[in-house]
Amino acid sequence: MENRAIKLIGKYALLLCILSGIQILTNHLVSQLIKDSMGTEFETYLLVASNLFPFLLNAITAVFVFSDSKKENLECKYSILLTVFYRPIGIVLFLLYVIDKEIKRKYITKTH
């Protein structure tokens, strides 16, 4: 694999670790706030916000995938869509597109 694919793998591994850590931290904080809260209306808002927060993180990750797909000249709309719903699978699919492009580029340059 070329250096670019390895850099993207490292970038997205780091991004996944950071966003997973943020998600775990916010879930812990929300559970602590729910234990300490008195009003059920506030608990409802916290639960809704904690359920929507992962989608926000997924959307942010999808923006990263979209920008990198434009830089790499890849048509990977399915990986962007998957990233919005489940971050790790979308990233893995995008990285497979990148690796496939690198393999094809090396094969074409070796045969010509």
C-alpha atoms as a PDB file:
ATOM      1  CA  MET A   1       0.000   0.000   0.000  1.00  0.00           C
ATOM      2  CA  GLU A   2       1.053   3.488  -0.667  1.00  0.00           C
ATOM      3  CA  ASN A   3       1.822   5.987   2.033  1.00  0.00           C
ATOM      4  CA  ARG A   4      -1.491   7.838   1.478  1.00  0.00           C
ATOM      5  CA  ALA A   5      -3.622   4.791   2.320  1.00  0.00           C
ATOM      6  CA  ILE A   6      -1.614   4.123   5.474  1.00  0.00           C
ATOM      7  CA  LYS A   7      -1.998   7.751   6.552  1.00  0.00           C
ATOM      8  CA  LEU A   8      -5.766   7.548   6.038  1.00  0.00           C
ATOM      9  CA  ILE A   9      -5.960   4.334   8.075  1.00  0.00           C
ATOM     10  CA  GLY A  10      -4.100   6.035  10.915  1.00  0.00           C
ATOM     11  CA  LYS A  11      -6.240   9.164  10.653  1.00  0.00           C
ATOM     12  CA  TYR A  12      -9.502   7.258  10.860  1.00  0.00           C
ATOM     13  CA  ALA A  13      -8.264   4.943  13.609  1.00  0.00           C
ATOM     14  CA  LEU A  14      -7.431   7.998  15.698  1.00  0.00           C
ATOM     15  CA  LEU A  15     -10.746   9.642  14.802  1.00  0.00           C
ATOM     16  CA  LEU A  16     -12.673   6.521  15.814  1.00  0.00           C
ATOM     17  CA  CYS A  17     -10.855   6.329  19.136  1.00  0.00           C
ATOM     18  CA  ILE A  18     -11.431   9.996  19.943  1.00  0.00           C
ATOM     19  CA  LEU A  19     -15.108  10.003  18.975  1.00  0.00           C
ATOM     20  CA  SER A  20     -15.760   6.741  20.828  1.00  0.00           C
ATOM     21  CA  GLY A  21     -14.132   8.219  23.912  1.00  0.00           C
ATOM     22  CA  ILE A  22     -16.262  11.345  23.630  1.00  0.00           C
ATOM     23  CA  GLN A  23     -19.388   9.235  23.248  1.00  0.00           C
ATOM     24  CA  ILE A  24     -18.549   7.092  26.287  1.00  0.00           C
ATOM     25  CA  LEU A  25     -17.776  10.198  28.345  1.00  0.00           C
ATOM     26  CA  THR A  26     -21.045  11.911  27.415  1.00  0.00           C
ATOM     27  CA  ASN A  27     -23.037   8.751  28.159  1.00  0.00           C
ATOM     28  CA  HIS A  28     -21.432   8.611  31.600  1.00  0.00           C
ATOM     29  CA  LEU A  29     -22.136  12.286  32.249  1.00  0.00           C
ATOM     30  CA  VAL A  30     -25.751  11.942  31.126  1.00  0.00           C
ATOM     31  CA  SER A  31     -26.283   8.940  33.393  1.00  0.00           C
ATOM     32  CA  GLN A  32     -24.852  10.913  36.314  1.00  0.00           C
ATOM     33  CA  LEU A  33     -27.097  13.885  35.524  1.00  0.00           C
ATOM     34  CA  ILE A  34     -30.144  11.638  35.332  1.00  0.00           C
ATOM     35  CA  LYS A  35     -29.328  10.157  38.747  1.00  0.00           C
ATOM     36  CA  ASP A  36     -28.986  13.645  40.250  1.00  0.00           C
ATOM     37  CA  SER A  37     -31.958  15.290  38.518  1.00  0.00           C
ATOM     38  CA  MET A  38     -35.330  15.771  40.119  1.00  0.00           C
ATOM     39  CA  GLY A  39     -37.576  16.617  37.180  1.00  0.00           C
ATOM     40  CA  THR A  40     -38.805  14.063  34.690  1.00  0.00           C
ATOM     41  CA  GLU A  41     -38.963  16.680  31.936  1.00  0.00           C
ATOM     42  CA  PHE A  42     -35.232  17.346  32.289  1.00  0.00           C
ATOM     43  CA  GLU A  43     -34.560  13.591  32.204  1.00  0.00           C
ATOM     44  CA  THR A  44     -36.539  13.328  28.975  1.00  0.00           C
ATOM     45  CA  TYR A  45     -34.468  16.090  27.362  1.00  0.00           C
ATOM     46  CA  LEU A  46     -31.263  14.432  28.509  1.00  0.00           C
ATOM     47  CA  LEU A  47     -32.300  11.068  27.114  1.00  0.00           C
ATOM     48  CA  VAL A  48     -33.296  12.553  23.763  1.00  0.00           C
ATOM     49  CA  ALA A  49     -30.046  14.518  23.551  1.00  0.00           C
ATOM     50  CA  SER A  50     -27.976  11.483  24.490  1.00  0.00           C
ATOM     51  CA  ASN A  51     -29.687   9.449  21.779  1.00  0.00           C
ATOM     52  CA  LEU A  52     -29.147  12.126  19.123  1.00  0.00           C
ATOM     53  CA  PHE A  53     -25.516  12.810  20.041  1.00  0.00           C
ATOM     54  CA  PRO A  54     -24.119   9.682  18.311  1.00  0.00           C
ATOM     55  CA  PHE A  55     -25.850  10.733  15.083  1.00  0.00           C
ATOM     56  CA  LEU A  56     -24.149  14.111  15.355  1.00  0.00           C
ATOM     57  CA  LEU A  57     -20.777  12.411  15.756  1.00  0.00           C
ATOM     58  CA  ASN A  58     -21.588  10.143  12.810  1.00  0.00           C
ATOM     59  CA  ALA A  59     -22.500  13.156  10.670  1.00  0.00           C
ATOM     60  CA  ILE A  60     -19.206  14.841  11.554  1.00  0.00           C
ATOM     61  CA  THR A  61     -17.352  11.678  10.586  1.00  0.00           C
ATOM     62  CA  ALA A  62     -19.328  11.481   7.334  1.00  0.00           C
ATOM     63  CA  VAL A  63     -18.109  14.992   6.482  1.00  0.00           C
ATOM     64  CA  PHE A  64     -14.517  13.803   6.955  1.00  0.00           C
ATOM     65  CA  VAL A  65     -15.165  10.773   4.749  1.00  0.00           C
ATOM     66  CA  PHE A  66     -16.811  12.949   2.101  1.00  0.00           C
ATOM     67  CA  SER A  67     -13.915  15.413   1.996  1.00  0.00           C
ATOM     68  CA  ASP A  68     -11.332  12.637   1.795  1.00  0.00           C
ATOM     69  CA  SER A  69     -13.308  10.873  -0.934  1.00  0.00           C
ATOM     70  CA  LYS A  70     -13.222  14.076  -2.979  1.00  0.00           C
ATOM     71  CA  LYS A  71      -9.455  14.374  -2.432  1.00  0.00           C
ATOM     72  CA  GLU A  72      -8.963  10.770  -3.556  1.00  0.00           C
ATOM     73  CA  ASN A  73     -11.425  11.105  -6.489  1.00  0.00           C
ATOM     74  CA  LEU A  74     -13.511   8.216  -5.207  1.00  0.00           C
ATOM     75  CA  GLU A  75     -17.197   7.632  -5.732  1.00  0.00           C
ATOM     76  CA  CYS A  76     -18.163   6.160  -2.379  1.00  0.00           C
ATOM     77  CA  LYS A  77     -21.639   7.409  -1.570  1.00  0.00           C
ATOM     78  CA  TYR A  78     -22.519   4.140   0.186  1.00  0.00           C
ATOM     79  CA  SER A  79     -19.699   4.486   2.657  1.00  0.00           C
ATOM     80  CA  ILE A  80     -20.801   8.040   3.454  1.00  0.00           C
ATOM     81  CA  LEU A  81     -24.356   6.856   3.987  1.00  0.00           C
ATOM     82  CA  LEU A  82     -23.197   3.984   6.181  1.00  0.00           C
ATOM     83  CA  THR A  83     -21.022   6.358   8.196  1.00  0.00           C
ATOM     84  CA  VAL A  84     -24.088   8.416   9.094  1.00  0.00           C
ATOM     85  CA  PHE A  85     -25.804   5.341  10.535  1.00  0.00           C
ATOM     86  CA  TYR A  86     -22.867   3.348  11.935  1.00  0.00           C
ATOM     87  CA  ARG A  87     -19.474   5.007  12.002  1.00  0.00           C
ATOM     88  CA  PRO A  88     -17.041   2.027  12.020  1.00  0.00           C
ATOM     89  CA  ILE A  89     -18.630   0.176   9.096  1.00  0.00           C
ATOM     90  CA  GLY A  90     -18.722   3.309   6.944  1.00  0.00           C
ATOM     91  CA  ILE A  91     -15.083   4.062   7.649  1.00  0.00           C
ATOM     92  CA  VAL A  92     -14.000   0.493   6.926  1.00  0.00           C
ATOM     93  CA  LEU A  93     -15.865   0.554   3.606  1.00  0.00           C
ATOM     94  CA  PHE A  94     -14.250   3.879   2.687  1.00  0.00           C
ATOM     95  CA  LEU A  95     -10.797   2.543   3.543  1.00  0.00           C
ATOM     96  CA  LEU A  96     -11.482  -0.528   1.417  1.00  0.00           C
ATOM     97  CA  TYR A  97     -12.273   1.800  -1.499  1.00  0.00           C
ATOM     98  CA  VAL A  98      -8.975   3.607  -0.925  1.00  0.00           C
ATOM     99  CA  ILE A  99      -6.982   0.371  -0.703  1.00  0.00           C
ATOM    100  CA  ASP A 100      -8.687  -0.980  -3.829  1.00  0.00           C
ATOM    101  CA  LYS A 101      -7.775   2.178  -5.714  1.00  0.00           C
ATOM    102  CA  GLU A 102      -4.145   1.860  -4.610  1.00  0.00           C
ATOM    103  CA  ILE A 103      -3.975  -1.789  -5.667  1.00  0.00           C
ATOM    104  CA  LYS A 104      -5.491  -1.004  -9.062  1.00  0.00           C
ATOM    105  CA  ARG A 105      -3.080   1.893  -9.547  1.00  0.00           C
ATOM    106  CA  LYS A 106      -0.089  -0.335  -8.800  1.00  0.00           C
ATOM    107  CA  TYR A 107      -1.399  -3.088 -11.068  1.00  0.00           C
ATOM    108  CA  ILE A 108      -1.922  -0.665 -13.965  1.00  0.00           C
ATOM    109  CA  THR A 109       1.551   0.845 -13.589  1.00  0.00           C
ATOM    110  CA  LYS A 110       3.187  -2.608 -13.445  1.00  0.00           C
ATOM    111  CA  THR A 111       1.449  -3.887 -16.579  1.00  0.00           C
ATOM    112  CA  HIS A 112       2.266  -0.819 -18.691  1.00  0.00           C
END
